[in-house]
Protein backbone atom coordinates (compact mmCIF):
# COMPACT_ATOMS: atom_id res chain seq x y z
CA MET A 1 141.62 54.84 20.21
CA ALA A 2 139.15 56.97 18.16
CA ILE A 3 135.94 56.89 16.72
CA ALA A 4 135.86 57.72 12.62
CA GLY A 5 135.22 61.03 12.64
CA HIS A 6 135.19 61.61 16.59
CA PRO A 7 138.92 61.53 17.58
CA GLU A 8 137.56 62.50 21.17
CA LEU A 9 135.56 59.27 21.44
CA ALA A 10 136.92 55.92 21.89
CA ALA A 11 134.93 52.64 21.21
CA ALA A 12 134.43 49.62 23.22
CA PHE A 13 132.15 46.58 22.82
CA VAL A 14 131.05 44.05 25.27
CA VAL A 15 130.63 41.05 22.75
CA GLY A 16 129.06 38.21 25.24
CA ALA A 17 128.42 35.57 26.13
CA PRO A 18 124.70 35.52 27.12
CA ARG A 19 124.16 34.90 30.99
CA CYS A 20 128.16 35.68 31.87
CA GLY A 21 127.40 38.76 33.70
CA THR A 22 127.69 41.54 30.37
CA THR A 23 124.75 42.95 31.52
CA PHE A 24 126.24 43.63 35.10
CA LEU A 25 129.34 44.99 33.41
CA ALA A 26 127.63 47.25 31.15
CA LYS A 27 125.84 48.57 33.99
CA THR A 28 128.32 49.00 36.13
CA LEU A 29 130.20 50.73 33.57
CA ALA A 30 127.53 52.98 32.57
CA ALA A 31 127.71 54.70 35.90
CA HIS A 32 131.51 55.77 35.03
CA PRO A 33 131.46 59.42 34.26
CA ALA A 34 133.62 59.04 31.31
CA VAL A 35 131.58 55.93 29.92
CA CYS A 36 128.32 56.00 27.79
CA VAL A 37 126.55 53.07 26.94
CA SER A 38 124.15 52.57 24.22
CA LYS A 39 120.67 52.88 24.26
CA PRO A 40 119.57 49.72 24.33
CA LYS A 41 122.39 47.99 26.01
CA GLU A 42 121.93 45.25 23.06
CA THR A 43 121.69 47.09 19.61
CA HIS A 44 122.77 44.04 17.39
CA PHE A 45 123.74 47.07 15.10
CA PHE A 46 126.89 45.22 13.72
CA VAL A 47 124.99 42.04 12.85
CA ARG A 48 121.39 43.27 12.07
CA VAL A 49 121.80 46.53 10.62
CA ALA A 50 125.50 47.69 10.05
CA PRO A 51 125.67 44.78 6.95
CA ALA A 52 123.07 46.84 5.07
CA LEU A 53 125.09 50.35 5.09
CA PRO A 54 128.06 51.67 3.08
CA ARG A 55 131.00 51.43 5.34
CA GLU A 56 131.46 55.16 5.52
CA ARG A 57 128.15 55.46 6.93
CA ARG A 58 128.22 53.21 9.91
CA ALA A 59 130.19 55.08 12.63
CA ALA A 60 127.68 58.19 11.83
CA GLU A 61 124.44 55.53 12.01
CA LEU A 62 125.68 53.95 15.44
CA LEU A 63 126.00 57.40 17.37
CA ARG A 64 123.02 58.66 15.94
CA ARG A 65 120.70 55.72 16.61
CA HIS A 66 122.41 54.77 20.09
CA PHE A 67 124.85 57.32 21.37
CA ALA A 68 122.27 60.57 21.05
CA HIS A 69 122.37 60.70 24.77
CA ARG A 70 126.45 61.31 25.24
CA THR A 71 127.86 64.47 26.90
CA PRO A 72 130.72 66.46 26.83
CA ALA A 73 132.40 64.06 29.36
CA THR A 74 131.76 61.15 27.42
CA ARG A 75 135.32 59.65 26.48
CA LEU A 76 134.26 56.03 25.84
CA LEU A 77 131.22 54.58 23.93
CA LEU A 78 130.17 51.20 25.14
CA GLU A 79 128.01 48.77 23.34
CA GLY A 80 127.13 45.38 24.80
CA SER A 81 125.63 42.76 22.27
CA PRO A 82 125.98 39.02 22.97
CA SER A 83 125.37 37.97 19.52
CA THR A 84 128.55 39.58 18.18
CA LEU A 85 130.56 37.10 19.59
CA TYR A 86 129.13 34.38 17.59
CA ASP A 87 129.43 36.41 14.26
CA PRO A 88 133.33 36.90 12.99
CA ASP A 89 131.85 39.32 10.27
CA ALA A 90 130.86 41.69 12.88
CA ILE A 91 134.25 42.27 14.06
CA GLU A 92 135.75 43.61 11.11
CA ARG A 93 132.67 45.96 11.10
CA MET A 94 133.32 47.19 14.42
CA LEU A 95 136.68 48.01 13.81
CA GLU A 96 135.99 50.06 10.96
CA VAL A 97 134.07 52.16 13.10
CA ASP A 98 137.06 52.42 15.82
CA PRO A 99 140.36 50.70 14.38
CA CYS A 100 141.23 50.77 17.70
CA ALA A 101 138.65 49.47 19.67
CA ARG A 102 138.68 47.09 22.87
CA PHE A 103 136.55 43.90 23.44
CA VAL A 104 135.56 42.48 26.45
CA ILE A 105 134.54 38.63 26.58
CA ALA A 106 132.49 37.14 29.57
CA VAL A 107 132.76 33.55 29.89
CA ARG A 108 131.12 30.91 32.54
CA ASP A 109 131.08 27.25 33.32
CA PRO A 110 128.88 25.99 30.65
CA VAL A 111 126.83 23.96 32.42
CA GLU A 112 125.88 26.72 34.75
CA MET A 113 125.44 29.18 31.80
CA LEU A 114 123.03 26.66 29.95
CA ALA A 115 121.22 26.45 32.86
CA SER A 116 120.65 30.17 33.14
CA TYR A 117 120.25 30.84 29.37
CA HIS A 118 117.63 28.14 29.14
CA ALA A 119 115.54 30.03 32.00
CA ARG A 120 116.13 33.50 30.42
CA LEU A 121 114.87 31.90 26.77
CA LEU A 122 111.59 30.95 28.55
CA TYR A 123 111.30 33.89 29.98
CA THR A 124 111.86 35.89 26.71
CA LEU A 125 109.28 33.29 25.20
CA ASP A 126 111.83 32.08 22.51
CA GLU A 127 111.36 28.58 24.46
CA GLU A 128 108.43 26.62 25.66
CA GLU A 129 110.03 23.65 26.75
CA ARG A 130 110.33 24.03 30.64
CA ASP A 131 112.14 20.96 30.78
CA LEU A 132 115.84 21.59 30.28
CA ALA A 133 116.55 17.67 29.59
CA ARG A 134 113.74 17.84 26.78
CA ALA A 135 114.93 21.38 25.50
CA TRP A 136 118.58 19.82 25.12
CA ALA A 137 117.47 16.57 23.63
CA LEU A 138 115.26 18.84 21.21
CA GLN A 139 118.27 20.52 19.20
CA GLU A 140 118.73 18.17 16.45
CA ARG A 141 115.02 18.54 15.36
CA ARG A 142 115.31 22.19 15.77
CA SER A 143 118.10 22.64 13.36
CA ARG A 144 115.96 20.95 10.63
CA GLY A 145 113.29 23.66 11.59
CA GLU A 146 111.20 21.23 13.44
CA ALA A 147 109.55 21.69 17.01
CA LEU A 148 110.09 25.28 17.07
CA PRO A 149 108.49 27.38 19.58
CA ARG A 150 106.12 29.79 17.80
CA ARG A 151 107.26 32.90 19.46
CA CYS A 152 111.12 32.39 18.74
CA ARG A 153 112.95 34.94 17.19
CA ASP A 154 115.62 32.84 15.79
CA PRO A 155 115.88 29.59 15.81
CA ARG A 156 119.81 29.70 16.44
CA LEU A 157 118.66 30.56 20.05
CA LEU A 158 117.92 27.16 20.64
CA GLN A 159 120.90 25.44 19.91
CA TYR A 160 122.14 25.03 23.19
CA ARG A 161 125.32 23.35 22.65
CA SER A 162 126.75 25.76 20.01
CA VAL A 163 125.75 28.79 22.20
CA CYS A 164 127.66 27.64 25.33
CA SER A 165 130.71 26.05 23.52
CA LEU A 166 132.75 29.15 24.64
CA GLY A 167 136.17 27.71 23.71
CA GLU A 168 135.20 27.42 20.35
CA HIS A 169 133.64 31.08 19.90
CA VAL A 170 136.53 32.72 21.91
CA ALA A 171 139.33 31.09 20.49
CA ARG A 172 137.76 32.08 17.16
CA PHE A 173 136.90 35.61 18.22
CA LEU A 174 140.89 36.28 19.70
CA SER A 175 142.11 34.83 16.27
CA VAL A 176 140.25 37.30 14.36
CA ALA A 177 140.24 40.36 16.98
CA GLY A 178 143.84 39.88 17.95
CA ARG A 179 144.59 38.85 21.54
CA GLU A 180 146.03 42.38 22.72
CA ARG A 181 142.65 44.01 22.14
CA CYS A 182 140.35 41.69 23.84
CA HIS A 183 139.53 41.32 28.08
CA VAL A 184 138.20 38.15 29.39
CA VAL A 185 136.31 38.28 32.61
CA VAL A 186 135.23 34.77 34.03
CA TYR A 187 132.25 35.00 35.59
CA ASP A 188 133.71 32.99 38.95
CA ASP A 189 135.91 36.22 39.47
CA LEU A 190 132.97 38.79 39.34
CA VAL A 191 131.19 36.85 42.07
CA ARG A 192 134.16 36.39 44.03
CA ASP A 193 135.70 40.01 43.70
CA PRO A 194 133.97 42.46 41.54
CA ARG A 195 136.05 45.23 42.83
CA ARG A 196 139.38 43.44 41.35
CA VAL A 197 137.50 43.10 37.77
CA TYR A 198 136.10 46.27 37.85
CA LEU A 199 139.93 47.38 38.02
CA ASP A 200 141.17 45.47 35.56
CA LEU A 201 138.43 46.35 33.34
CA LEU A 202 139.19 50.15 33.79
CA GLY A 203 143.16 49.61 33.59
CA PHE A 204 142.32 47.76 29.85
CA LEU A 205 139.66 50.40 28.52
CA GLY A 206 142.33 53.31 30.04
CA LEU A 207 139.79 55.06 32.45
CA GLU A 208 140.75 56.23 35.74
CA ASP A 209 139.43 54.39 39.19
CA ASP A 210 136.18 56.39 40.24
CA GLY A 211 136.54 54.77 43.57
CA ARG A 212 133.53 52.42 43.40
CA THR A 213 133.61 49.58 45.88
CA GLU A 214 130.03 48.74 46.31
CA PHE A 215 128.74 46.51 43.28
CA ARG A 216 125.06 45.10 42.89
CA ARG A 217 124.36 41.99 41.14
CA ARG A 218 120.74 41.24 40.30
CA ASN A 219 118.84 38.02 41.01
CA GLU A 220 119.43 35.89 37.85
CA HIS A 221 116.57 33.98 37.76
CA ARG A 222 112.76 35.43 36.73
CA GLU A 223 109.50 34.07 35.71
CA PHE A 224 106.28 35.72 34.60
CA ALA A 225 102.99 35.39 36.03
CA SER A 226 100.75 36.01 32.86
CA PRO A 227 101.95 34.49 29.80
CA ARG A 228 99.44 36.68 27.66
CA LEU A 229 101.08 39.80 29.35
CA GLN A 230 104.18 38.45 28.92
CA ALA A 231 103.60 38.27 25.10
CA LEU A 232 102.68 41.74 24.81
CA VAL A 233 105.85 42.98 26.78
CA MET A 234 108.33 41.02 24.90
CA ASN A 235 106.44 40.33 21.26
CA PRO A 236 104.11 43.55 21.03
CA PRO A 237 101.52 42.94 18.15
CA TRP A 238 101.93 44.64 14.64
CA PRO A 239 102.23 47.43 13.98
CA ALA A 240 104.53 48.44 17.12
CA PRO A 241 107.45 46.58 15.76
CA VAL A 242 107.28 48.16 12.63
CA LEU A 243 106.72 51.76 14.24
CA LEU A 244 109.54 51.11 16.82
CA ALA A 245 112.18 50.21 13.98
CA ALA A 246 111.22 53.40 12.09
CA TRP A 247 111.83 55.53 15.38
CA GLU A 248 114.93 53.84 15.94
CA ARG A 249 116.28 54.77 12.51
CA ARG A 250 115.69 58.05 13.47
CA GLY A 251 117.94 57.93 16.04
CA LEU A 252 115.50 58.54 18.53
CA GLY A 253 115.15 55.64 20.60
CA ARG A 254 111.83 54.14 22.17
CA PRO A 255 109.32 56.76 23.38
CA ARG A 256 109.98 57.28 26.99
CA ALA A 257 106.11 56.86 27.73
CA LEU A 258 106.39 53.34 26.21
CA ARG A 259 109.68 52.65 27.93
CA ALA A 260 107.72 53.59 30.97
CA VAL A 261 104.59 51.16 30.43
CA ARG A 262 106.91 48.48 29.59
CA ARG A 263 108.93 48.79 32.58
CA TRP A 264 106.06 48.93 34.70
CA ALA A 265 104.33 45.89 32.94
CA LYS A 266 107.28 43.63 33.44
CA ALA A 267 108.14 44.57 36.81
CA ARG A 268 104.08 43.78 37.69
CA ASN A 269 104.55 40.47 35.72
CA THR A 270 108.06 39.20 36.85
CA ARG A 271 108.42 37.30 39.83
CA LYS A 272 111.92 36.30 41.26
CA VAL A 273 112.21 32.65 42.15
CA ALA A 274 115.28 30.27 43.02
CA ARG A 275 116.15 28.35 39.96
CA PRO A 276 115.50 24.32 40.20
CA PRO A 277 118.85 22.53 40.58
CA LEU A 278 119.95 20.24 37.68
CA SER A 279 119.30 16.57 38.14
CA ALA A 280 122.68 14.52 38.68
CA PRO A 281 121.87 12.49 35.68
CA LEU A 282 121.27 15.44 33.55
CA ARG A 283 124.06 17.72 34.98
CA GLY A 284 126.65 14.49 34.11
CA GLU A 285 125.44 14.41 30.76
CA LEU A 286 126.22 18.07 30.00
CA ARG A 287 129.50 18.02 31.98
CA ALA A 288 130.42 15.43 29.48
CA ALA A 289 129.15 17.14 26.56
CA PHE A 290 131.09 20.35 27.21
CA ALA A 291 134.63 18.71 28.75
CA ASP A 292 136.62 19.09 25.87
CA ASP A 293 135.15 22.84 25.01
CA VAL A 294 136.18 23.55 28.46
CA GLU A 295 139.65 22.20 27.82
CA ARG A 296 139.79 24.26 24.90
CA LEU A 297 138.86 27.24 26.86
CA ALA A 298 141.34 26.77 29.24
CA ALA A 299 144.43 26.38 26.95
CA VAL A 300 142.91 29.63 25.20
CA LEU A 301 142.90 31.53 28.56
CA GLY A 302 145.86 29.82 30.28
CA ARG A 303 143.83 29.25 33.38
CA ASP A 304 143.06 25.91 35.26
CA LEU A 305 139.08 25.60 34.61
CA SER A 306 139.29 21.72 35.69
CA HIS A 307 136.56 22.58 38.30
CA TRP A 308 134.21 23.33 35.64
CA ARG A 309 134.86 19.51 34.46
């Protein structure tokens, strides 16, 4: 593996899916001495930025914008944008940066993923409908541009069935990228035996074991106390987005003072709470909706996932 123009560096991408442990995987690998994780972890570079750049500039731009903090000990660059799982064209762009790039895909029971994903969208203000059953029922209207939350960054985020149909997306990704360059992590395994998952991941990425045996998982479900403060944190008013985009294009990352203020505001406004359980009727409806896709994913992975159905 080698980055174009940098034979000493290799690239790997945690491509998704959302709410399936991708942040945990990236943060765990970030502690390895040979790994440098992009800033931010989710750059969306290959979905939003790379298409507008000449091919010969993409590797240099990726390094300049998101890996300026790498050290001489860095051997592997790791980027983690779940959006790339849903964009087949992004695979080609990533392979242009490193023709031998490796891809990590995380998957999860789609019903549990959906509940976590909906809660996350509420936290980021992309969703306003707090009742998951009603949000699920709104998908068709929203596909026509109706009933969209005013702060939603992309209406496609609200197409819950499509986002959580991992059998479809994983099968397509493997067919384009090649099964041999992809490593799939099942969320159940991550919860049950993170050390085993970590060792398998290191082997796939060609990294030596650093001996770590303790792994910290964060509470998944968070809510905000003040909607007004949350709006400032998640969607700062103009001209902040324009200035931040220009700053990022220069490869400088977000100013430290701004990052510190944002972290403080998020921590002050965030509370960790237990996610309410799904009702039996809704759980049954969702199990039926995802049954065929779970079967497809099981066939792709060669693994029994009948407990998800």
